[in-house]
Amino acid sequence: MYLRVEALSCCYGSKGVLEDVSFGAERGSVVGLLGPNGAGKTTLLKCIGGMLRPRRGKVLLAGRDLALLPAKERAHLVGYVPQSAHGTMSARVVDIVMMGRLPHLRFSPGSRDRQIAFEAIERLQLTELAFREFDRLSGGERQRVLIARALAQQPELLLLDEPTSSLDMRHQLEAIRIVRGCAAKNNVTVVVSLHDLNLAAMLCDRLLLLRDARCFALGNCDEVLTAENIREVYGVDTEIRQAHGRRHVLLMRSDEPR
């Protein structure tokens, strides 16, 4: 496995928010993190990326312990896209995307850095917004800028926290296409947290379903996205159908017969 997460546990104060979570991912694959609010998805991403220090366990990328690497070397390897941008960023879109090149710079950006940044802007359909101020954009536009910044970074491991939550349906599908293309064409390993189970089935090679800070199920989409697992973790009844080569999760109304 290119990425190995081994027995990761994390606490906020005395409260355990992750307990002995382990999984792996091959190079160029996409692993989805599922689970209800508070299950530990964001915490797991931040522990993998080195933004939180786990109480126990380790994260290995190509055999290297990420926690032991210098911050700049880790920034070469790992890109992170949060759910949303906190606070305000009074900078142009192009300048924020260019920030993704910082780990690669010695002095000032060169023509190659600018080319990579503008290619990321084009991929996320942000060309018309390139010279707009970031804090004047909508939530969905901001999310696309953050994804573009991460792509400009050219990481080996890309961590995405609810990357489609602010996007409309068209841009959700476009974001999924871009992430899948990044994994396949650039051999980037992706770990992404999602709430939408059907988007997860479209995007991911493997799924990790969290419940109460622990791994409840791990496997491919057919193994994890079952009516029994969804009922146990989310407390809702669903019907699972297979169409066009993938799983579809249909939510049942409370007044429908079970």
C-alpha atoms as a PDB file:
ATOM      1  CA  MET A   1       0.000   0.000   0.000  1.00  0.00           C
ATOM      2  CA  TYR A   2       1.302   3.456  -0.895  1.00  0.00           C
ATOM      3  CA  LEU A   3      -0.600   5.076   1.999  1.00  0.00           C
ATOM      4  CA  ARG A   4      -0.859   3.220   5.306  1.00  0.00           C
ATOM      5  CA  VAL A   5      -2.810   4.550   8.280  1.00  0.00           C
ATOM      6  CA  GLU A   6      -2.004   2.383  11.277  1.00  0.00           C
ATOM      7  CA  ALA A   7      -4.075   2.285  14.489  1.00  0.00           C
ATOM      8  CA  LEU A   8      -4.696   6.031  14.491  1.00  0.00           C
ATOM      9  CA  SER A   9      -6.301   7.454  17.652  1.00  0.00           C
ATOM     10  CA  CYS A  10      -6.924  11.106  18.495  1.00  0.00           C
ATOM     11  CA  CYS A  11      -8.436  13.066  21.386  1.00  0.00           C
ATOM     12  CA  TYR A  12      -9.782  16.571  21.907  1.00  0.00           C
ATOM     13  CA  GLY A  13      -8.976  17.060  25.556  1.00  0.00           C
ATOM     14  CA  SER A  14     -10.258  13.944  27.286  1.00  0.00           C
ATOM     15  CA  LYS A  15     -12.758  13.111  24.535  1.00  0.00           C
ATOM     16  CA  GLY A  16     -11.716  10.424  22.096  1.00  0.00           C
ATOM     17  CA  VAL A  17     -12.688  11.320  18.518  1.00  0.00           C
ATOM     18  CA  LEU A  18     -10.797   8.535  16.727  1.00  0.00           C
ATOM     19  CA  GLU A  19     -10.060   5.055  18.014  1.00  0.00           C
ATOM     20  CA  ASP A  20      -7.661   2.630  16.322  1.00  0.00           C
ATOM     21  CA  VAL A  21      -8.532   3.490  12.712  1.00  0.00           C
ATOM     22  CA  SER A  22      -6.461   1.640  10.133  1.00  0.00           C
ATOM     23  CA  PHE A  23      -6.671   1.506   6.348  1.00  0.00           C
ATOM     24  CA  GLY A  24      -4.498   1.681   3.266  1.00  0.00           C
ATOM     25  CA  ALA A  25      -4.627   3.056  -0.262  1.00  0.00           C
ATOM     26  CA  GLU A  26      -2.783   2.249  -3.458  1.00  0.00           C
ATOM     27  CA  ARG A  27      -1.081   4.928  -5.519  1.00  0.00           C
ATOM     28  CA  GLY A  28      -3.614   6.631  -7.796  1.00  0.00           C
ATOM     29  CA  SER A  29      -6.671   5.338  -5.934  1.00  0.00           C
ATOM     30  CA  VAL A  30      -9.528   7.229  -4.241  1.00  0.00           C
ATOM     31  CA  VAL A  31     -10.660   6.321  -0.721  1.00  0.00           C
ATOM     32  CA  GLY A  32     -13.894   7.839   0.600  1.00  0.00           C
ATOM     33  CA  LEU A  33     -14.583   8.546   4.262  1.00  0.00           C
ATOM     34  CA  LEU A  34     -18.255   8.202   5.191  1.00  0.00           C
ATOM     35  CA  GLY A  35     -20.189   8.565   8.413  1.00  0.00           C
ATOM     36  CA  PRO A  36     -22.623  10.845  10.218  1.00  0.00           C
ATOM     37  CA  ASN A  37     -21.670  14.213  11.690  1.00  0.00           C
ATOM     38  CA  GLY A  38     -19.216  13.762  14.538  1.00  0.00           C
ATOM     39  CA  ALA A  39     -18.004  10.358  13.365  1.00  0.00           C
ATOM     40  CA  GLY A  40     -14.414  11.633  13.007  1.00  0.00           C
ATOM     41  CA  LYS A  41     -13.988  12.180   9.243  1.00  0.00           C
ATOM     42  CA  THR A  42     -12.446  15.663   9.449  1.00  0.00           C
ATOM     43  CA  THR A  43     -10.274  14.665  12.402  1.00  0.00           C
ATOM     44  CA  LEU A  44      -8.969  11.668  10.473  1.00  0.00           C
ATOM     45  CA  LEU A  45      -8.062  13.849   7.481  1.00  0.00           C
ATOM     46  CA  LYS A  46      -6.271  16.358   9.699  1.00  0.00           C
ATOM     47  CA  CYS A  47      -4.323  13.600  11.457  1.00  0.00           C
ATOM     48  CA  ILE A  48      -3.256  12.153   8.109  1.00  0.00           C
ATOM     49  CA  GLY A  49      -2.173  15.584   6.888  1.00  0.00           C
ATOM     50  CA  GLY A  50      -0.248  16.446  10.059  1.00  0.00           C
ATOM     51  CA  MET A  51      -2.549  19.285  11.147  1.00  0.00           C
ATOM     52  CA  LEU A  52      -3.458  17.327  14.276  1.00  0.00           C
ATOM     53  CA  ARG A  53      -1.121  15.175  16.318  1.00  0.00           C
ATOM     54  CA  PRO A  54      -2.648  11.765  17.007  1.00  0.00           C
ATOM     55  CA  ARG A  55      -2.514  10.269  20.458  1.00  0.00           C
ATOM     56  CA  ARG A  56      -1.425   6.972  18.990  1.00  0.00           C
ATOM     57  CA  GLY A  57      -0.668   5.430  15.609  1.00  0.00           C
ATOM     58  CA  LYS A  58       1.122   6.659  12.500  1.00  0.00           C
ATOM     59  CA  VAL A  59       0.684   7.562   8.853  1.00  0.00           C
ATOM     60  CA  LEU A  60       3.121   6.173   6.290  1.00  0.00           C
ATOM     61  CA  LEU A  61       3.427   7.422   2.712  1.00  0.00           C
ATOM     62  CA  ALA A  62       5.648   5.199   0.576  1.00  0.00           C
ATOM     63  CA  GLY A  63       7.099   3.896   3.836  1.00  0.00           C
ATOM     64  CA  ARG A  64       7.906   7.362   5.208  1.00  0.00           C
ATOM     65  CA  ASP A  65       6.364   8.453   8.496  1.00  0.00           C
ATOM     66  CA  LEU A  66       4.732  11.796   7.622  1.00  0.00           C
ATOM     67  CA  ALA A  67       4.938  13.024  11.229  1.00  0.00           C
ATOM     68  CA  LEU A  68       8.740  12.825  11.102  1.00  0.00           C
ATOM     69  CA  LEU A  69       9.166  14.843   7.908  1.00  0.00           C
ATOM     70  CA  PRO A  70      10.015  18.583   7.936  1.00  0.00           C
ATOM     71  CA  ALA A  71       6.981  20.761   7.260  1.00  0.00           C
ATOM     72  CA  LYS A  72       8.196  21.894   3.822  1.00  0.00           C
ATOM     73  CA  GLU A  73       8.903  18.341   2.681  1.00  0.00           C
ATOM     74  CA  ARG A  74       5.460  17.269   3.879  1.00  0.00           C
ATOM     75  CA  ALA A  75       3.951  20.191   1.936  1.00  0.00           C
ATOM     76  CA  HIS A  76       5.571  18.782  -1.209  1.00  0.00           C
ATOM     77  CA  LEU A  77       3.753  15.519  -0.657  1.00  0.00           C
ATOM     78  CA  VAL A  78       0.381  16.360   0.895  1.00  0.00           C
ATOM     79  CA  GLY A  79      -2.333  18.755  -0.267  1.00  0.00           C
ATOM     80  CA  TYR A  80      -5.385  19.566   1.859  1.00  0.00           C
ATOM     81  CA  VAL A  81      -8.696  21.174   0.930  1.00  0.00           C
ATOM     82  CA  PRO A  82     -10.860  22.172   3.941  1.00  0.00           C
ATOM     83  CA  GLN A  83     -14.651  22.268   3.914  1.00  0.00           C
ATOM     84  CA  SER A  84     -14.575  26.051   3.634  1.00  0.00           C
ATOM     85  CA  ALA A  85     -12.213  28.996   3.944  1.00  0.00           C
ATOM     86  CA  HIS A  86     -12.262  30.376   7.476  1.00  0.00           C
ATOM     87  CA  GLY A  87     -12.095  34.133   7.903  1.00  0.00           C
ATOM     88  CA  THR A  88     -11.520  36.424   4.948  1.00  0.00           C
ATOM     89  CA  MET A  89      -8.798  36.317   2.325  1.00  0.00           C
ATOM     90  CA  SER A  90      -8.431  39.654   0.580  1.00  0.00           C
ATOM     91  CA  ALA A  91      -6.485  38.334  -2.365  1.00  0.00           C
ATOM     92  CA  ARG A  92      -7.186  37.637  -5.998  1.00  0.00           C
ATOM     93  CA  VAL A  93      -8.133  34.131  -7.077  1.00  0.00           C
ATOM     94  CA  VAL A  94      -4.964  33.792  -9.142  1.00  0.00           C
ATOM     95  CA  ASP A  95      -2.808  34.719  -6.140  1.00  0.00           C
ATOM     96  CA  ILE A  96      -4.522  32.166  -3.896  1.00  0.00           C
ATOM     97  CA  VAL A  97      -4.100  29.408  -6.466  1.00  0.00           C
ATOM     98  CA  MET A  98      -0.453  30.418  -6.858  1.00  0.00           C
ATOM     99  CA  MET A  99      -0.025  29.745  -3.110  1.00  0.00           C
ATOM    100  CA  GLY A 100      -0.160  26.084  -4.027  1.00  0.00           C
ATOM    101  CA  ARG A 101       3.259  26.521  -5.630  1.00  0.00           C
ATOM    102  CA  LEU A 102       4.919  27.829  -2.447  1.00  0.00           C
ATOM    103  CA  PRO A 103       6.417  24.461  -1.373  1.00  0.00           C
ATOM    104  CA  HIS A 104       8.193  24.268  -4.732  1.00  0.00           C
ATOM    105  CA  LEU A 105       9.655  27.794  -4.760  1.00  0.00           C
ATOM    106  CA  ARG A 106      13.128  28.922  -3.845  1.00  0.00           C
ATOM    107  CA  PHE A 107      12.600  32.603  -4.545  1.00  0.00           C
ATOM    108  CA  SER A 108       9.799  33.968  -6.748  1.00  0.00           C
ATOM    109  CA  PRO A 109       7.422  32.072  -9.040  1.00  0.00           C
ATOM    110  CA  GLY A 110       8.730  31.263 -12.498  1.00  0.00           C
ATOM    111  CA  SER A 111       6.935  30.801 -15.794  1.00  0.00           C
ATOM    112  CA  ARG A 112       6.415  27.087 -15.077  1.00  0.00           C
ATOM    113  CA  ASP A 113       4.742  27.893 -11.724  1.00  0.00           C
ATOM    114  CA  ARG A 114       2.430  30.414 -13.375  1.00  0.00           C
ATOM    115  CA  GLN A 115       1.565  27.906 -16.092  1.00  0.00           C
ATOM    116  CA  ILE A 116       0.649  25.231 -13.534  1.00  0.00           C
ATOM    117  CA  ALA A 117      -1.491  27.696 -11.560  1.00  0.00           C
ATOM    118  CA  PHE A 118      -3.394  28.875 -14.636  1.00  0.00           C
ATOM    119  CA  GLU A 119      -3.931  25.280 -15.787  1.00  0.00           C
ATOM    120  CA  ALA A 120      -5.544  24.544 -12.399  1.00  0.00           C
ATOM    121  CA  ILE A 121      -7.714  27.665 -12.747  1.00  0.00           C
ATOM    122  CA  GLU A 122      -8.868  26.520 -16.175  1.00  0.00           C
ATOM    123  CA  ARG A 123      -9.597  22.966 -14.971  1.00  0.00           C
ATOM    124  CA  LEU A 124     -11.900  24.327 -12.257  1.00  0.00           C
ATOM    125  CA  GLN A 125     -13.594  26.694 -14.740  1.00  0.00           C
ATOM    126  CA  LEU A 126     -12.411  29.779 -12.870  1.00  0.00           C
ATOM    127  CA  THR A 127     -10.843  31.709 -15.750  1.00  0.00           C
ATOM    128  CA  GLU A 128     -13.425  34.514 -15.663  1.00  0.00           C
ATOM    129  CA  LEU A 129     -12.902  34.852 -11.897  1.00  0.00           C
ATOM    130  CA  ALA A 130      -9.088  34.739 -11.924  1.00  0.00           C
ATOM    131  CA  PHE A 131      -8.645  38.414 -11.025  1.00  0.00           C
ATOM    132  CA  ARG A 132     -11.631  38.719  -8.701  1.00  0.00           C
ATOM    133  CA  GLU A 133     -11.170  39.106  -4.950  1.00  0.00           C
ATOM    134  CA  PHE A 134     -11.633  35.781  -3.149  1.00  0.00           C
ATOM    135  CA  ASP A 135     -13.808  37.229  -0.374  1.00  0.00           C
ATOM    136  CA  ARG A 136     -16.300  38.502  -2.979  1.00  0.00           C
ATOM    137  CA  LEU A 137     -16.986  35.013  -4.343  1.00  0.00           C
ATOM    138  CA  SER A 138     -19.867  32.692  -3.510  1.00  0.00           C
ATOM    139  CA  GLY A 139     -19.301  29.668  -1.279  1.00  0.00           C
ATOM    140  CA  GLY A 140     -19.220  27.300  -4.251  1.00  0.00           C
ATOM    141  CA  GLU A 141     -16.766  29.490  -6.151  1.00  0.00           C
ATOM    142  CA  ARG A 142     -14.495  29.666  -3.115  1.00  0.00           C
ATOM    143  CA  GLN A 143     -14.539  25.885  -2.837  1.00  0.00           C
ATOM    144  CA  ARG A 144     -13.447  25.538  -6.451  1.00  0.00           C
ATOM    145  CA  VAL A 145     -10.583  27.994  -5.811  1.00  0.00           C
ATOM    146  CA  LEU A 146      -9.369  25.899  -2.864  1.00  0.00           C
ATOM    147  CA  ILE A 147      -9.444  22.753  -4.996  1.00  0.00           C
ATOM    148  CA  ALA A 148      -7.501  24.577  -7.733  1.00  0.00           C
ATOM    149  CA  ARG A 149      -4.899  25.672  -5.172  1.00  0.00           C
ATOM    150  CA  ALA A 150      -4.429  22.056  -4.060  1.00  0.00           C
ATOM    151  CA  LEU A 151      -4.079  20.855  -7.666  1.00  0.00           C
ATOM    152  CA  ALA A 152      -1.465  23.555  -8.332  1.00  0.00           C
ATOM    153  CA  GLN A 153       0.500  22.150  -5.402  1.00  0.00           C
ATOM    154  CA  GLN A 154       0.891  18.848  -7.338  1.00  0.00           C
ATOM    155  CA  PRO A 155       0.873  16.647  -4.221  1.00  0.00           C
ATOM    156  CA  GLU A 156       1.269  12.883  -4.104  1.00  0.00           C
ATOM    157  CA  LEU A 157      -1.506  12.639  -1.487  1.00  0.00           C
ATOM    158  CA  LEU A 158      -4.595  14.831  -1.765  1.00  0.00           C
ATOM    159  CA  LEU A 159      -6.942  15.193   1.232  1.00  0.00           C
ATOM    160  CA  LEU A 160     -10.396  16.630   0.544  1.00  0.00           C
ATOM    161  CA  ASP A 161     -12.902  17.484   3.274  1.00  0.00           C
ATOM    162  CA  GLU A 162     -16.433  17.632   1.839  1.00  0.00           C
ATOM    163  CA  PRO A 163     -15.206  19.188  -1.438  1.00  0.00           C
ATOM    164  CA  THR A 164     -18.659  19.170  -3.072  1.00  0.00           C
ATOM    165  CA  SER A 165     -20.739  20.468  -0.154  1.00  0.00           C
ATOM    166  CA  SER A 166     -21.023  24.040  -1.511  1.00  0.00           C
ATOM    167  CA  LEU A 167     -21.262  23.139  -5.181  1.00  0.00           C
ATOM    168  CA  ASP A 168     -24.333  22.890  -7.384  1.00  0.00           C
ATOM    169  CA  MET A 169     -25.049  19.621  -9.179  1.00  0.00           C
ATOM    170  CA  ARG A 170     -23.105  20.472 -12.348  1.00  0.00           C
ATOM    171  CA  HIS A 171     -20.020  21.566 -10.470  1.00  0.00           C
ATOM    172  CA  GLN A 172     -20.262  18.549  -8.147  1.00  0.00           C
ATOM    173  CA  LEU A 173     -20.011  16.246 -11.143  1.00  0.00           C
ATOM    174  CA  GLU A 174     -17.223  18.333 -12.646  1.00  0.00           C
ATOM    175  CA  ALA A 175     -15.276  18.250  -9.367  1.00  0.00           C
ATOM    176  CA  ILE A 176     -15.645  14.464  -9.234  1.00  0.00           C
ATOM    177  CA  ARG A 177     -14.392  14.179 -12.819  1.00  0.00           C
ATOM    178  CA  ILE A 178     -11.373  16.342 -12.006  1.00  0.00           C
ATOM    179  CA  VAL A 179     -10.500  14.439  -8.827  1.00  0.00           C
ATOM    180  CA  ARG A 180     -10.820  11.078 -10.616  1.00  0.00           C
ATOM    181  CA  GLY A 181      -8.680  12.387 -13.461  1.00  0.00           C
ATOM    182  CA  CYS A 182      -6.070  13.693 -11.036  1.00  0.00           C
ATOM    183  CA  ALA A 183      -5.857  10.287  -9.353  1.00  0.00           C
ATOM    184  CA  ALA A 184      -5.683   8.325 -12.608  1.00  0.00           C
ATOM    185  CA  LYS A 185      -3.549  10.573 -14.803  1.00  0.00           C
ATOM    186  CA  ASN A 186      -1.222  12.052 -12.188  1.00  0.00           C
ATOM    187  CA  ASN A 187      -1.028   8.959  -9.958  1.00  0.00           C
ATOM    188  CA  VAL A 188      -2.241  10.953  -6.952  1.00  0.00           C
ATOM    189  CA  THR A 189      -3.684   9.105  -3.965  1.00  0.00           C
ATOM    190  CA  VAL A 190      -6.897  10.780  -2.777  1.00  0.00           C
ATOM    191  CA  VAL A 191      -8.675  10.526   0.570  1.00  0.00           C
ATOM    192  CA  VAL A 192     -11.996  12.378   0.573  1.00  0.00           C
ATOM    193  CA  SER A 193     -14.762  12.793   3.137  1.00  0.00           C
ATOM    194  CA  LEU A 194     -18.289  12.866   1.752  1.00  0.00           C
ATOM    195  CA  HIS A 195     -21.875  12.929   2.994  1.00  0.00           C
ATOM    196  CA  ASP A 196     -23.503  12.039  -0.321  1.00  0.00           C
ATOM    197  CA  LEU A 197     -23.383   8.245  -0.618  1.00  0.00           C
ATOM    198  CA  ASN A 198     -24.186   8.272  -4.329  1.00  0.00           C
ATOM    199  CA  LEU A 199     -21.357  10.697  -5.093  1.00  0.00           C
ATOM    200  CA  ALA A 200     -19.083   8.438  -3.057  1.00  0.00           C
ATOM    201  CA  ALA A 201     -20.118   5.456  -5.199  1.00  0.00           C
ATOM    202  CA  MET A 202     -19.312   7.448  -8.355  1.00  0.00           C
ATOM    203  CA  LEU A 203     -15.935   8.705  -7.163  1.00  0.00           C
ATOM    204  CA  CYS A 204     -14.311   6.165  -4.857  1.00  0.00           C
ATOM    205  CA  ASP A 205     -12.488   2.881  -5.306  1.00  0.00           C
ATOM    206  CA  ARG A 206     -12.792   1.988  -1.616  1.00  0.00           C
ATOM    207  CA  LEU A 207     -14.849   3.295   1.291  1.00  0.00           C
ATOM    208  CA  LEU A 208     -14.233   3.619   5.019  1.00  0.00           C
ATOM    209  CA  LEU A 209     -17.447   3.943   7.024  1.00  0.00           C
ATOM    210  CA  LEU A 210     -16.974   5.493  10.471  1.00  0.00           C
ATOM    211  CA  ARG A 211     -19.292   5.221  13.446  1.00  0.00           C
ATOM    212  CA  ASP A 212     -18.606   6.486  16.963  1.00  0.00           C
ATOM    213  CA  ALA A 213     -14.961   7.289  16.144  1.00  0.00           C
ATOM    214  CA  ARG A 214     -14.200   3.760  14.918  1.00  0.00           C
ATOM    215  CA  CYS A 215     -14.067   1.947  11.608  1.00  0.00           C
ATOM    216  CA  PHE A 216     -17.429   0.259  11.105  1.00  0.00           C
ATOM    217  CA  ALA A 217     -16.878  -1.047   7.555  1.00  0.00           C
ATOM    218  CA  LEU A 218     -14.036  -0.987   5.042  1.00  0.00           C
ATOM    219  CA  GLY A 219     -14.047  -2.277   1.489  1.00  0.00           C
ATOM    220  CA  ASN A 220     -15.274  -1.568  -2.016  1.00  0.00           C
ATOM    221  CA  CYS A 221     -18.568   0.211  -2.663  1.00  0.00           C
ATOM    222  CA  ASP A 222     -20.595  -3.008  -2.960  1.00  0.00           C
ATOM    223  CA  GLU A 223     -19.260  -4.238   0.367  1.00  0.00           C
ATOM    224  CA  VAL A 224     -19.775  -1.005   2.323  1.00  0.00           C
ATOM    225  CA  LEU A 225     -22.902   0.524   0.782  1.00  0.00           C
ATOM    226  CA  THR A 226     -25.438  -2.029   1.973  1.00  0.00           C
ATOM    227  CA  ALA A 227     -28.886  -1.314   3.392  1.00  0.00           C
ATOM    228  CA  GLU A 228     -27.848  -3.011   6.641  1.00  0.00           C
ATOM    229  CA  ASN A 229     -24.716  -0.887   7.099  1.00  0.00           C
ATOM    230  CA  ILE A 230     -26.561   2.339   6.291  1.00  0.00           C
ATOM    231  CA  ARG A 231     -29.373   1.522   8.703  1.00  0.00           C
ATOM    232  CA  GLU A 232     -26.892   0.646  11.453  1.00  0.00           C
ATOM    233  CA  VAL A 233     -24.766   3.787  11.033  1.00  0.00           C
ATOM    234  CA  TYR A 234     -27.241   6.443   9.895  1.00  0.00           C
ATOM    235  CA  GLY A 235     -30.493   5.059  11.343  1.00  0.00           C
ATOM    236  CA  VAL A 236     -32.380   5.314   8.038  1.00  0.00           C
ATOM    237  CA  ASP A 237     -33.883   2.756   5.661  1.00  0.00           C
ATOM    238  CA  THR A 238     -32.674   2.650   2.089  1.00  0.00           C
ATOM    239  CA  GLU A 239     -33.052   0.592  -1.040  1.00  0.00           C
ATOM    240  CA  ILE A 240     -29.869  -0.336  -2.880  1.00  0.00           C
ATOM    241  CA  ARG A 241     -29.990  -0.696  -6.656  1.00  0.00           C
ATOM    242  CA  GLN A 242     -27.344  -1.534  -9.209  1.00  0.00           C
ATOM    243  CA  ALA A 243     -27.381   0.424 -12.465  1.00  0.00           C
ATOM    244  CA  HIS A 244     -24.793   1.565 -15.010  1.00  0.00           C
ATOM    245  CA  GLY A 245     -22.132  -0.477 -13.246  1.00  0.00           C
ATOM    246  CA  ARG A 246     -22.400   1.126  -9.826  1.00  0.00           C
ATOM    247  CA  ARG A 247     -24.362   1.242  -6.587  1.00  0.00           C
ATOM    248  CA  HIS A 248     -27.313   3.623  -6.146  1.00  0.00           C
ATOM    249  CA  VAL A 249     -28.679   4.408  -2.674  1.00  0.00           C
ATOM    250  CA  LEU A 250     -32.374   5.358  -2.565  1.00  0.00           C
ATOM    251  CA  LEU A 251     -33.697   6.853   0.646  1.00  0.00           C
ATOM    252  CA  MET A 252     -37.064   5.438   1.692  1.00  0.00           C
ATOM    253  CA  ARG A 253     -39.752   7.708   3.098  1.00  0.00           C
ATOM    254  CA  SER A 254     -40.724   7.003   6.691  1.00  0.00           C
ATOM    255  CA  ASP A 255     -44.253   6.095   5.610  1.00  0.00           C
ATOM    256  CA  GLU A 256     -43.138   3.621   2.951  1.00  0.00           C
ATOM    257  CA  PRO A 257     -43.390  -0.097   3.789  1.00  0.00           C
ATOM    258  CA  ARG A 258     -40.137  -1.725   4.804  1.00  0.00           C
END
